[in-house]
Every structure is written in C-alpha cells, then in structure tokens.
Amino acid sequence: MKRSIKSAAVFFAILALSFIPPKHNIVGRWKTFNNDGSFGFVDFNPDGTFKVITADGSQTLHHGNYKFKDDVFSINDKEGCGDTYWGTYKFTFVSEDSFRVALIKDTCTGRRTDITTGNVGLSRYKNGVAN
C-alpha cells in the first residue's frame, strides 16, 4: 500500500512539473525577417543591451536596453523615442529558436510600427545559419 502511494505521489509530481512552461533565453544573435523580404540581425547581450544591425553587419540601425521575463519583452532604444520611453511586447515562441512578436504597449509610434508591422518573426542564428 505504501509503495503504491509513493508511486502515485511521484506520478502526480512529474505530471504537475510537465505543465510548467519552459524559461526561454533570448541572449544571442537572431535573424529578423521583414515583410519586404529583407532581413537583418538583432544581438541580445547578457547585460540587457541590444543592437540591430544590417544583414552585412556594416551598420548599427538601433541600440539600447531590454528586459525579458516570462516571455514579456521590454525595450528602449537610443534612435527611436529615447531612453525614457519603454515599449512592452509579448514573445510567442514557435520553438526555442524561433518566435513571433505581439504588442502589449508602446507609446513610441516609430518603434511600434517597426516591430509590429515590419517584422514577421525572428530565428536564432547559430554558426552562420538561422534555425
């Protein structure tokens, strides 16, 4: 009897843990895919800074700070509306190496437009290949 109670407890513990969503990590280089067929890269650094660069890496288009927790992404950028305007977005992960972006709140019109209408998704870039 004790053995079956222990087995049932272990089973339910494993079952409960299987419903905890995974913690995603966005640190690294991501390839952005734009509506017009072009692409670029976003580098998310471990220190909470980011930069957006052209496909050939020759030009930084945006840079700033970000926060990421529970698939909620907050951003401010130096070129957009400045350091004091933070935008908040929801990342929906298709896989660990691919996600889509949806607006939660951003009062910076230019950034909001770039992120929500110009970008159709991001894929992690590893060893010269977008996954």
N, C-alpha and C. Protein backbone atom coordinates (compact mmCIF):
# COMPACT_ATOMS: atom_id res chain seq x y z
N MET A 1 0.82 -1.19 0.00
CA MET A 1 0.00 0.00 0.00
C MET A 1 0.87 1.26 0.00
N LYS A 2 1.90 1.28 0.88
CA LYS A 2 2.78 2.44 0.94
C LYS A 2 3.49 2.64 -0.39
N ARG A 3 3.84 1.53 -1.02
CA ARG A 3 4.55 1.61 -2.30
C ARG A 3 3.67 2.25 -3.37
N SER A 4 2.40 1.89 -3.43
CA SER A 4 1.52 2.47 -4.44
C SER A 4 1.22 3.94 -4.14
N ILE A 5 1.21 4.34 -2.89
CA ILE A 5 1.02 5.75 -2.55
C ILE A 5 2.24 6.56 -2.99
N LYS A 6 3.43 6.02 -2.74
CA LYS A 6 4.65 6.70 -3.18
C LYS A 6 4.69 6.79 -4.70
N SER A 7 4.33 5.72 -5.39
CA SER A 7 4.32 5.73 -6.85
C SER A 7 3.33 6.76 -7.38
N ALA A 8 2.17 6.83 -6.78
CA ALA A 8 1.15 7.80 -7.20
C ALA A 8 1.64 9.22 -6.94
N ALA A 9 2.30 9.45 -5.80
CA ALA A 9 2.82 10.78 -5.49
C ALA A 9 3.88 11.20 -6.50
N VAL A 10 4.78 10.30 -6.84
CA VAL A 10 5.82 10.59 -7.84
C VAL A 10 5.18 10.87 -9.19
N PHE A 11 4.19 10.06 -9.58
CA PHE A 11 3.50 10.26 -10.85
C PHE A 11 2.86 11.65 -10.91
N PHE A 12 2.16 12.05 -9.87
CA PHE A 12 1.49 13.35 -9.87
C PHE A 12 2.49 14.52 -9.81
N ALA A 13 3.61 14.32 -9.14
CA ALA A 13 4.64 15.36 -9.12
C ALA A 13 5.23 15.56 -10.51
N ILE A 14 5.51 14.47 -11.19
CA ILE A 14 6.04 14.56 -12.57
C ILE A 14 4.99 15.18 -13.48
N LEU A 15 3.75 14.79 -13.34
CA LEU A 15 2.67 15.34 -14.15
C LEU A 15 2.53 16.85 -13.92
N ALA A 16 2.60 17.28 -12.67
CA ALA A 16 2.48 18.71 -12.36
C ALA A 16 3.63 19.51 -12.96
N LEU A 17 4.84 18.97 -12.88
CA LEU A 17 6.00 19.67 -13.43
C LEU A 17 5.97 19.74 -14.95
N SER A 18 5.30 18.81 -15.60
CA SER A 18 5.27 18.83 -17.05
C SER A 18 4.42 19.98 -17.60
N PHE A 19 3.61 20.60 -16.76
CA PHE A 19 2.78 21.73 -17.20
C PHE A 19 3.42 23.09 -16.93
N ILE A 20 4.61 23.11 -16.38
CA ILE A 20 5.32 24.37 -16.15
C ILE A 20 5.98 24.77 -17.46
N PRO A 21 5.64 25.95 -17.97
CA PRO A 21 6.24 26.35 -19.26
C PRO A 21 7.74 26.57 -19.13
N PRO A 22 8.49 26.30 -20.20
CA PRO A 22 9.94 26.46 -20.14
C PRO A 22 10.33 27.93 -20.09
N LYS A 23 11.46 28.20 -19.48
CA LYS A 23 12.02 29.55 -19.46
C LYS A 23 12.81 29.73 -20.75
N HIS A 24 12.49 30.75 -21.50
CA HIS A 24 13.19 30.99 -22.76
C HIS A 24 14.36 31.93 -22.54
N ASN A 25 15.36 31.76 -23.36
CA ASN A 25 16.55 32.59 -23.29
C ASN A 25 16.75 33.25 -24.65
N ILE A 26 16.78 34.59 -24.68
CA ILE A 26 16.92 35.28 -25.96
C ILE A 26 18.34 35.80 -26.20
N VAL A 27 19.25 35.58 -25.27
CA VAL A 27 20.63 36.06 -25.44
C VAL A 27 21.24 35.40 -26.67
N GLY A 28 21.85 36.22 -27.52
CA GLY A 28 22.49 35.71 -28.72
C GLY A 28 22.06 36.51 -29.94
N ARG A 29 22.43 36.00 -31.11
CA ARG A 29 22.09 36.67 -32.38
C ARG A 29 20.84 36.04 -32.97
N TRP A 30 19.93 36.91 -33.42
CA TRP A 30 18.68 36.50 -34.04
C TRP A 30 18.56 37.14 -35.41
N LYS A 31 18.10 36.38 -36.37
CA LYS A 31 17.86 36.90 -37.71
C LYS A 31 16.42 37.38 -37.78
N THR A 32 16.24 38.62 -38.23
CA THR A 32 14.90 39.20 -38.38
C THR A 32 14.46 39.03 -39.83
N PHE A 33 13.20 38.71 -40.01
CA PHE A 33 12.63 38.57 -41.35
C PHE A 33 11.60 39.66 -41.54
N ASN A 34 11.77 40.47 -42.55
CA ASN A 34 10.90 41.61 -42.79
C ASN A 34 9.88 41.30 -43.89
N ASN A 35 8.76 42.04 -43.86
CA ASN A 35 7.69 41.84 -44.83
C ASN A 35 8.16 42.01 -46.27
N ASP A 36 9.14 42.86 -46.50
CA ASP A 36 9.59 43.13 -47.87
C ASP A 36 10.61 42.09 -48.36
N GLY A 37 10.87 41.06 -47.58
CA GLY A 37 11.80 40.01 -47.97
C GLY A 37 13.23 40.23 -47.48
N SER A 38 13.51 41.40 -46.96
CA SER A 38 14.85 41.68 -46.46
C SER A 38 15.02 41.08 -45.06
N PHE A 39 16.24 41.12 -44.58
CA PHE A 39 16.49 40.63 -43.22
C PHE A 39 17.63 41.42 -42.61
N GLY A 40 17.77 41.29 -41.31
CA GLY A 40 18.86 41.89 -40.55
C GLY A 40 19.11 41.02 -39.35
N PHE A 41 19.84 41.55 -38.39
CA PHE A 41 20.15 40.79 -37.19
C PHE A 41 19.91 41.63 -35.95
N VAL A 42 19.54 40.97 -34.87
CA VAL A 42 19.44 41.59 -33.55
C VAL A 42 20.33 40.78 -32.63
N ASP A 43 21.22 41.49 -31.93
CA ASP A 43 22.07 40.86 -30.93
C ASP A 43 21.56 41.25 -29.55
N PHE A 44 21.09 40.25 -28.78
CA PHE A 44 20.68 40.46 -27.39
C PHE A 44 21.83 40.02 -26.50
N ASN A 45 22.39 40.95 -25.75
CA ASN A 45 23.55 40.67 -24.90
C ASN A 45 23.11 40.31 -23.48
N PRO A 46 23.93 39.54 -22.76
CA PRO A 46 23.57 39.12 -21.39
C PRO A 46 23.42 40.30 -20.42
N ASP A 47 24.03 41.45 -20.73
CA ASP A 47 23.95 42.61 -19.82
C ASP A 47 22.69 43.45 -20.02
N GLY A 48 21.75 42.98 -20.87
CA GLY A 48 20.49 43.71 -21.07
C GLY A 48 20.58 44.78 -22.15
N THR A 49 21.62 44.77 -22.95
CA THR A 49 21.72 45.69 -24.08
C THR A 49 21.48 44.92 -25.37
N PHE A 50 21.09 45.66 -26.41
CA PHE A 50 20.87 45.04 -27.70
C PHE A 50 21.33 45.98 -28.80
N LYS A 51 21.50 45.42 -29.99
CA LYS A 51 21.72 46.25 -31.18
C LYS A 51 21.11 45.54 -32.37
N VAL A 52 20.59 46.36 -33.28
CA VAL A 52 20.03 45.87 -34.54
C VAL A 52 21.01 46.27 -35.62
N ILE A 53 21.45 45.30 -36.43
CA ILE A 53 22.44 45.59 -37.46
C ILE A 53 21.92 45.14 -38.83
N THR A 54 22.51 45.72 -39.86
CA THR A 54 22.16 45.36 -41.23
C THR A 54 22.62 43.93 -41.53
N ALA A 55 22.08 43.38 -42.62
CA ALA A 55 22.39 42.00 -42.99
C ALA A 55 23.87 41.76 -43.19
N ASP A 56 24.58 42.76 -43.71
CA ASP A 56 26.03 42.60 -43.92
C ASP A 56 26.85 42.98 -42.69
N GLY A 57 26.17 43.43 -41.62
CA GLY A 57 26.85 43.78 -40.37
C GLY A 57 27.60 45.10 -40.39
N SER A 58 27.44 45.86 -41.46
CA SER A 58 28.23 47.09 -41.62
C SER A 58 27.64 48.29 -40.89
N GLN A 59 26.38 48.21 -40.47
CA GLN A 59 25.74 49.39 -39.88
C GLN A 59 24.84 48.99 -38.72
N THR A 60 24.95 49.74 -37.61
CA THR A 60 24.04 49.56 -36.49
C THR A 60 22.84 50.48 -36.72
N LEU A 61 21.64 49.89 -36.75
CA LEU A 61 20.43 50.66 -37.01
C LEU A 61 19.79 51.17 -35.72
N HIS A 62 19.82 50.35 -34.69
CA HIS A 62 19.26 50.71 -33.38
C HIS A 62 20.11 50.05 -32.31
N HIS A 63 20.12 50.67 -31.14
CA HIS A 63 20.72 50.03 -29.98
C HIS A 63 20.07 50.60 -28.73
N GLY A 64 20.13 49.85 -27.66
CA GLY A 64 19.50 50.30 -26.42
C GLY A 64 19.52 49.21 -25.38
N ASN A 65 18.47 49.21 -24.55
CA ASN A 65 18.36 48.28 -23.43
C ASN A 65 17.09 47.46 -23.55
N TYR A 66 17.13 46.28 -22.95
CA TYR A 66 15.94 45.43 -22.92
C TYR A 66 15.84 44.70 -21.59
N LYS A 67 14.63 44.25 -21.29
CA LYS A 67 14.35 43.37 -20.16
C LYS A 67 13.49 42.23 -20.71
N PHE A 68 13.68 41.04 -20.17
CA PHE A 68 12.93 39.89 -20.65
C PHE A 68 12.60 38.97 -19.49
N LYS A 69 11.30 38.74 -19.28
CA LYS A 69 10.87 37.85 -18.20
C LYS A 69 9.51 37.25 -18.57
N ASP A 70 9.40 35.94 -18.43
CA ASP A 70 8.14 35.23 -18.70
C ASP A 70 7.58 35.56 -20.07
N ASP A 71 8.45 35.60 -21.07
CA ASP A 71 8.11 35.86 -22.47
C ASP A 71 7.58 37.28 -22.71
N VAL A 72 7.75 38.16 -21.73
CA VAL A 72 7.40 39.58 -21.91
C VAL A 72 8.71 40.34 -22.09
N PHE A 73 8.76 41.10 -23.17
CA PHE A 73 9.96 41.81 -23.60
C PHE A 73 9.71 43.30 -23.51
N SER A 74 10.58 44.02 -22.80
CA SER A 74 10.51 45.48 -22.71
C SER A 74 11.77 46.05 -23.34
N ILE A 75 11.61 47.18 -24.04
CA ILE A 75 12.72 47.73 -24.81
C ILE A 75 12.69 49.25 -24.79
N ASN A 76 13.89 49.85 -24.76
CA ASN A 76 14.04 51.26 -25.11
C ASN A 76 15.23 51.35 -26.05
N ASP A 77 15.20 52.32 -26.93
CA ASP A 77 16.29 52.42 -27.90
C ASP A 77 16.70 53.87 -28.07
N LYS A 78 17.97 54.06 -28.30
CA LYS A 78 18.54 55.40 -28.39
C LYS A 78 18.05 56.14 -29.63
N GLU A 79 17.84 55.43 -30.75
CA GLU A 79 17.48 56.08 -32.01
C GLU A 79 15.98 56.33 -32.13
N GLY A 80 15.17 55.59 -31.42
CA GLY A 80 13.71 55.72 -31.52
C GLY A 80 13.22 56.91 -30.72
N CYS A 81 12.57 56.64 -29.63
CA CYS A 81 11.99 57.69 -28.79
C CYS A 81 12.86 58.04 -27.59
N GLY A 82 14.00 57.41 -27.44
CA GLY A 82 14.91 57.75 -26.35
C GLY A 82 14.82 56.80 -25.18
N ASP A 83 15.71 57.05 -24.23
CA ASP A 83 15.87 56.16 -23.08
C ASP A 83 14.65 56.09 -22.15
N THR A 84 13.82 57.11 -22.14
CA THR A 84 12.73 57.15 -21.16
C THR A 84 11.46 56.47 -21.65
N TYR A 85 11.37 56.15 -22.92
CA TYR A 85 10.17 55.51 -23.46
C TYR A 85 10.40 54.02 -23.63
N TRP A 86 9.74 53.24 -22.78
CA TRP A 86 9.85 51.79 -22.84
C TRP A 86 8.63 51.24 -23.55
N GLY A 87 8.85 50.26 -24.41
CA GLY A 87 7.76 49.53 -25.06
C GLY A 87 7.74 48.11 -24.53
N THR A 88 6.56 47.50 -24.50
CA THR A 88 6.41 46.16 -23.97
C THR A 88 5.72 45.27 -25.00
N TYR A 89 6.29 44.10 -25.21
CA TYR A 89 5.83 43.17 -26.23
C TYR A 89 5.77 41.75 -25.67
N LYS A 90 4.94 40.93 -26.28
CA LYS A 90 4.84 39.51 -25.92
C LYS A 90 5.55 38.69 -26.99
N PHE A 91 6.46 37.83 -26.57
CA PHE A 91 7.12 36.91 -27.49
C PHE A 91 6.39 35.57 -27.42
N THR A 92 5.96 35.09 -28.57
CA THR A 92 5.34 33.77 -28.65
C THR A 92 6.33 32.85 -29.35
N PHE A 93 6.86 31.92 -28.60
CA PHE A 93 7.89 31.02 -29.13
C PHE A 93 7.25 29.90 -29.92
N VAL A 94 7.68 29.76 -31.17
CA VAL A 94 7.27 28.66 -32.03
C VAL A 94 8.12 27.44 -31.69
N SER A 95 9.38 27.71 -31.35
CA SER A 95 10.32 26.71 -30.85
C SER A 95 11.32 27.48 -29.99
N GLU A 96 12.31 26.81 -29.43
CA GLU A 96 13.32 27.51 -28.64
C GLU A 96 14.13 28.48 -29.49
N ASP A 97 14.12 28.27 -30.81
CA ASP A 97 14.94 29.07 -31.70
C ASP A 97 14.13 29.95 -32.65
N SER A 98 12.85 30.17 -32.36
CA SER A 98 12.02 30.97 -33.25
C SER A 98 10.85 31.56 -32.46
N PHE A 99 10.58 32.85 -32.69
CA PHE A 99 9.43 33.46 -32.01
C PHE A 99 8.81 34.56 -32.86
N ARG A 100 7.57 34.89 -32.51
CA ARG A 100 6.84 36.00 -33.12
C ARG A 100 6.60 37.04 -32.03
N VAL A 101 6.35 38.28 -32.47
CA VAL A 101 6.22 39.41 -31.55
C VAL A 101 4.82 40.00 -31.65
N ALA A 102 4.22 40.31 -30.49
CA ALA A 102 2.92 40.99 -30.45
C ALA A 102 3.01 42.15 -29.46
N LEU A 103 2.36 43.23 -29.80
CA LEU A 103 2.35 44.44 -28.98
C LEU A 103 1.55 44.24 -27.70
N ILE A 104 2.13 44.67 -26.59
CA ILE A 104 1.37 44.83 -25.35
C ILE A 104 1.10 46.33 -25.18
N LYS A 105 2.19 47.14 -25.13
CA LYS A 105 2.02 48.60 -25.04
C LYS A 105 3.33 49.27 -25.45
N ASP A 106 3.22 50.26 -26.34
CA ASP A 106 4.38 51.06 -26.73
C ASP A 106 3.88 52.40 -27.26
N THR A 107 4.24 53.49 -26.57
CA THR A 107 3.81 54.82 -26.99
C THR A 107 4.74 55.43 -28.03
N CYS A 108 5.82 54.75 -28.37
CA CYS A 108 6.75 55.21 -29.40
C CYS A 108 6.27 54.69 -30.76
N THR A 109 5.64 55.57 -31.52
CA THR A 109 5.00 55.16 -32.77
C THR A 109 5.97 54.52 -33.76
N GLY A 110 7.12 55.13 -33.98
CA GLY A 110 8.08 54.58 -34.93
C GLY A 110 8.55 53.19 -34.57
N ARG A 111 8.93 52.99 -33.32
CA ARG A 111 9.39 51.68 -32.86
C ARG A 111 8.26 50.66 -32.94
N ARG A 112 7.07 51.06 -32.48
CA ARG A 112 5.92 50.16 -32.50
C ARG A 112 5.63 49.70 -33.94
N THR A 113 5.67 50.63 -34.89
CA THR A 113 5.44 50.29 -36.29
C THR A 113 6.51 49.35 -36.82
N ASP A 114 7.77 49.66 -36.54
CA ASP A 114 8.88 48.80 -36.99
C ASP A 114 8.75 47.38 -36.45
N ILE A 115 8.44 47.27 -35.18
CA ILE A 115 8.41 45.95 -34.54
C ILE A 115 7.18 45.15 -34.93
N THR A 116 6.03 45.80 -35.03
CA THR A 116 4.79 45.03 -35.23
C THR A 116 4.37 44.88 -36.68
N THR A 117 4.79 45.77 -37.56
CA THR A 117 4.34 45.63 -38.96
C THR A 117 5.49 45.30 -39.91
N GLY A 118 6.70 45.66 -39.56
CA GLY A 118 7.82 45.41 -40.46
C GLY A 118 8.50 44.09 -40.24
N ASN A 119 8.23 43.44 -39.13
CA ASN A 119 8.96 42.24 -38.74
C ASN A 119 7.99 41.06 -38.64
N VAL A 120 8.27 40.00 -39.36
CA VAL A 120 7.36 38.85 -39.32
C VAL A 120 7.86 37.71 -38.44
N GLY A 121 8.98 37.89 -37.76
CA GLY A 121 9.47 36.88 -36.84
C GLY A 121 10.98 36.88 -36.74
N LEU A 122 11.48 36.17 -35.77
CA LEU A 122 12.92 36.06 -35.56
C LEU A 122 13.30 34.60 -35.38
N SER A 123 14.49 34.26 -35.86
CA SER A 123 15.06 32.92 -35.68
C SER A 123 16.45 33.04 -35.14
N ARG A 124 16.78 32.17 -34.19
CA ARG A 124 18.12 32.19 -33.61
C ARG A 124 19.14 31.89 -34.70
N TYR A 125 20.24 32.62 -34.68
CA TYR A 125 21.28 32.48 -35.69
C TYR A 125 22.47 31.79 -35.06
N LYS A 126 22.75 30.57 -35.50
CA LYS A 126 23.85 29.77 -34.95
C LYS A 126 24.78 29.34 -36.07
N ASN A 127 26.04 29.55 -35.85
CA ASN A 127 27.05 29.06 -36.80
C ASN A 127 26.75 29.49 -38.24
N GLY A 128 26.29 30.73 -38.40
CA GLY A 128 26.03 31.24 -39.74
C GLY A 128 24.72 30.77 -40.36
N VAL A 129 23.85 30.14 -39.56
CA VAL A 129 22.59 29.62 -40.10
C VAL A 129 21.45 30.02 -39.16
N ALA A 130 20.36 30.54 -39.76
CA ALA A 130 19.15 30.82 -38.98
C ALA A 130 18.38 29.51 -38.83
N ASN A 131 18.02 29.16 -37.60
CA ASN A 131 17.32 27.89 -37.35
C ASN A 131 15.83 28.02 -37.50
